[in-house]
Protein backbone atom coordinates (compact mmCIF):
# COMPACT_ATOMS: atom_id res chain seq x y z
CA MET A 1 18.99 -41.79 -47.65
CA LYS A 2 17.15 -39.33 -49.83
CA LEU A 3 15.14 -36.48 -48.36
CA SER A 4 12.44 -34.56 -50.17
CA ASP A 5 12.90 -30.82 -50.59
CA ALA A 6 10.58 -30.14 -47.65
CA GLU A 7 12.36 -32.71 -45.46
CA LEU A 8 15.70 -31.16 -46.34
CA GLU A 9 14.40 -27.74 -45.28
CA ILE A 10 13.44 -29.24 -41.92
CA MET A 11 16.85 -30.93 -41.59
CA GLU A 12 18.54 -27.61 -42.32
CA LYS A 13 16.69 -26.13 -39.34
CA VAL A 14 17.63 -29.09 -37.12
CA TRP A 15 21.29 -28.74 -38.14
CA GLU A 16 21.12 -24.97 -37.66
CA LEU A 17 19.81 -25.35 -34.12
CA GLY A 18 22.50 -27.93 -33.40
CA ALA A 19 20.76 -29.51 -30.44
CA PRO A 20 17.77 -31.77 -29.95
CA VAL A 21 14.62 -29.86 -30.92
CA THR A 22 10.92 -30.17 -30.33
CA ALA A 23 8.24 -30.07 -32.99
CA ALA A 24 7.09 -26.77 -31.48
CA GLN A 25 10.54 -25.23 -31.99
CA LEU A 26 10.57 -26.43 -35.58
CA THR A 27 7.02 -25.18 -36.18
CA GLU A 28 8.16 -21.74 -35.01
CA ARG A 29 11.26 -21.84 -37.25
CA MET A 30 9.22 -23.04 -40.23
CA ALA A 31 6.37 -20.54 -39.75
CA GLU A 32 7.01 -18.94 -43.15
CA LYS A 33 5.99 -22.24 -44.77
CA GLY A 34 2.46 -21.91 -43.40
CA TRP A 35 2.32 -25.61 -42.52
CA LYS A 36 -0.13 -26.93 -39.99
CA PRO A 37 1.53 -28.64 -37.01
CA SER A 38 0.15 -31.97 -38.27
CA THR A 39 1.97 -31.49 -41.58
CA LEU A 40 5.29 -30.96 -39.80
CA LEU A 41 4.64 -34.00 -37.60
CA THR A 42 4.04 -36.09 -40.72
CA PHE A 43 7.36 -34.97 -42.18
CA LEU A 44 9.14 -35.64 -38.89
CA ALA A 45 7.71 -39.17 -38.71
CA ARG A 46 8.88 -39.86 -42.27
CA MET A 47 12.34 -38.57 -41.43
CA VAL A 48 12.51 -40.83 -38.37
CA ASN A 49 11.50 -43.79 -40.55
CA LYS A 50 14.21 -42.89 -43.08
CA GLY A 51 16.84 -42.79 -40.35
CA ALA A 52 17.53 -39.06 -40.68
CA LEU A 53 16.21 -38.23 -37.21
CA ALA A 54 15.94 -39.96 -33.86
CA VAL A 55 12.99 -39.21 -31.62
CA GLU A 56 12.83 -39.41 -27.84
CA LYS A 57 9.83 -38.82 -25.61
CA ARG A 58 10.49 -36.19 -22.91
CA GLY A 59 7.42 -35.65 -20.82
CA LYS A 60 4.61 -34.83 -23.22
CA GLN A 61 6.90 -33.75 -26.04
CA ASN A 62 8.91 -35.58 -28.64
CA VAL A 63 12.46 -34.37 -29.03
CA TYR A 64 14.23 -34.87 -32.34
CA ARG A 65 17.93 -35.00 -33.12
CA ALA A 66 19.80 -35.48 -36.36
CA LEU A 67 21.30 -38.91 -36.99
CA VAL A 68 23.28 -37.64 -39.97
CA SER A 69 25.44 -34.53 -40.12
CA ALA A 70 24.95 -31.86 -42.74
CA ASP A 71 28.36 -32.66 -44.24
CA ALA A 72 27.65 -36.40 -44.42
CA TYR A 73 24.25 -35.85 -46.01
CA ARG A 74 25.62 -33.42 -48.58
CA ALA A 75 28.50 -35.76 -49.42
CA GLY A 76 26.04 -38.59 -50.03
CA ALA A 77 23.82 -36.38 -52.15
CA ALA A 78 26.83 -35.26 -54.19
CA ARG A 79 27.88 -38.88 -54.75
CA GLU A 80 24.34 -39.72 -55.86
CA LEU A 81 24.27 -36.77 -58.25
CA LEU A 82 27.67 -37.73 -59.62
CA GLY A 83 26.63 -41.32 -60.21
CA ARG A 84 23.21 -40.52 -61.59
CA TYR A 85 24.08 -37.77 -64.05
CA TYR A 86 27.79 -38.17 -64.73
CA SER A 87 28.42 -41.94 -64.50
CA GLY A 88 30.63 -41.33 -61.48
CA SER A 89 33.00 -39.03 -63.39
CA VAL A 90 34.03 -35.94 -61.47
CA LYS A 91 35.75 -34.68 -64.62
CA SER A 92 32.50 -34.89 -66.60
CA MET A 93 30.62 -33.00 -63.90
CA VAL A 94 33.20 -30.23 -63.64
CA ALA A 95 33.40 -30.03 -67.44
CA ALA A 96 29.61 -29.63 -67.61
CA LEU A 97 29.77 -26.80 -65.08
CA TYR A 98 32.68 -25.13 -66.83
CA ASP A 99 31.33 -25.52 -70.36
CA GLY A 100 28.07 -23.99 -69.24
CA LYS A 101 30.02 -21.09 -67.70
CA GLY A 102 28.87 -22.28 -64.29
CA LEU A 103 32.31 -21.72 -62.74
CA SER A 104 33.92 -18.32 -62.37
CA ASP A 105 37.67 -17.78 -62.62
CA GLY A 106 37.77 -17.50 -58.83
CA GLU A 107 35.93 -20.79 -58.40
CA LEU A 108 38.30 -22.48 -60.84
CA ALA A 109 41.30 -21.16 -58.89
CA GLU A 110 39.73 -22.36 -55.65
CA LEU A 111 39.09 -25.80 -57.17
CA ARG A 112 42.65 -25.99 -58.50
CA ALA A 113 44.11 -25.11 -55.07
CA TRP A 114 41.88 -27.69 -53.38
CA LEU A 115 42.89 -30.39 -55.86
CA GLU A 116 46.58 -29.59 -55.38
CA GLU A 117 46.17 -29.94 -51.60
CA GLU A 118 44.36 -33.26 -52.04
CA VAL A 119 47.17 -34.58 -54.28
CA LYS A 120 49.82 -33.46 -51.76
CA GLY A 121 47.91 -35.22 -48.98
CA ARG A 122 48.04 -38.52 -50.88
CA GLU A 123 51.77 -38.43 -51.60
């Protein structure tokens, strides 16, 4: 599933709240966007159709809950990015970040420690 930038912003709010939310709660949380309530409802309907959200009628309100966790969505997006731009090669992606000075020494040390733990876990 691929979410637009605006849909991802909405999902971030849903994940942040951690519980089923109403459109009114999301409208309040997204006030800085200046969207009309109908705009948010359009996005929510699209996200339901994509399988990102489930909707349930409670009285007069629709209540939305995430069908995908933040971690699962981000992992899928990372896999898509890896496949699309780096032919599935993690090495090529990391090399591109490193060559472009996108990784600090601290980040490299953190990556090295993580990789060592992953290798140990597979032995």
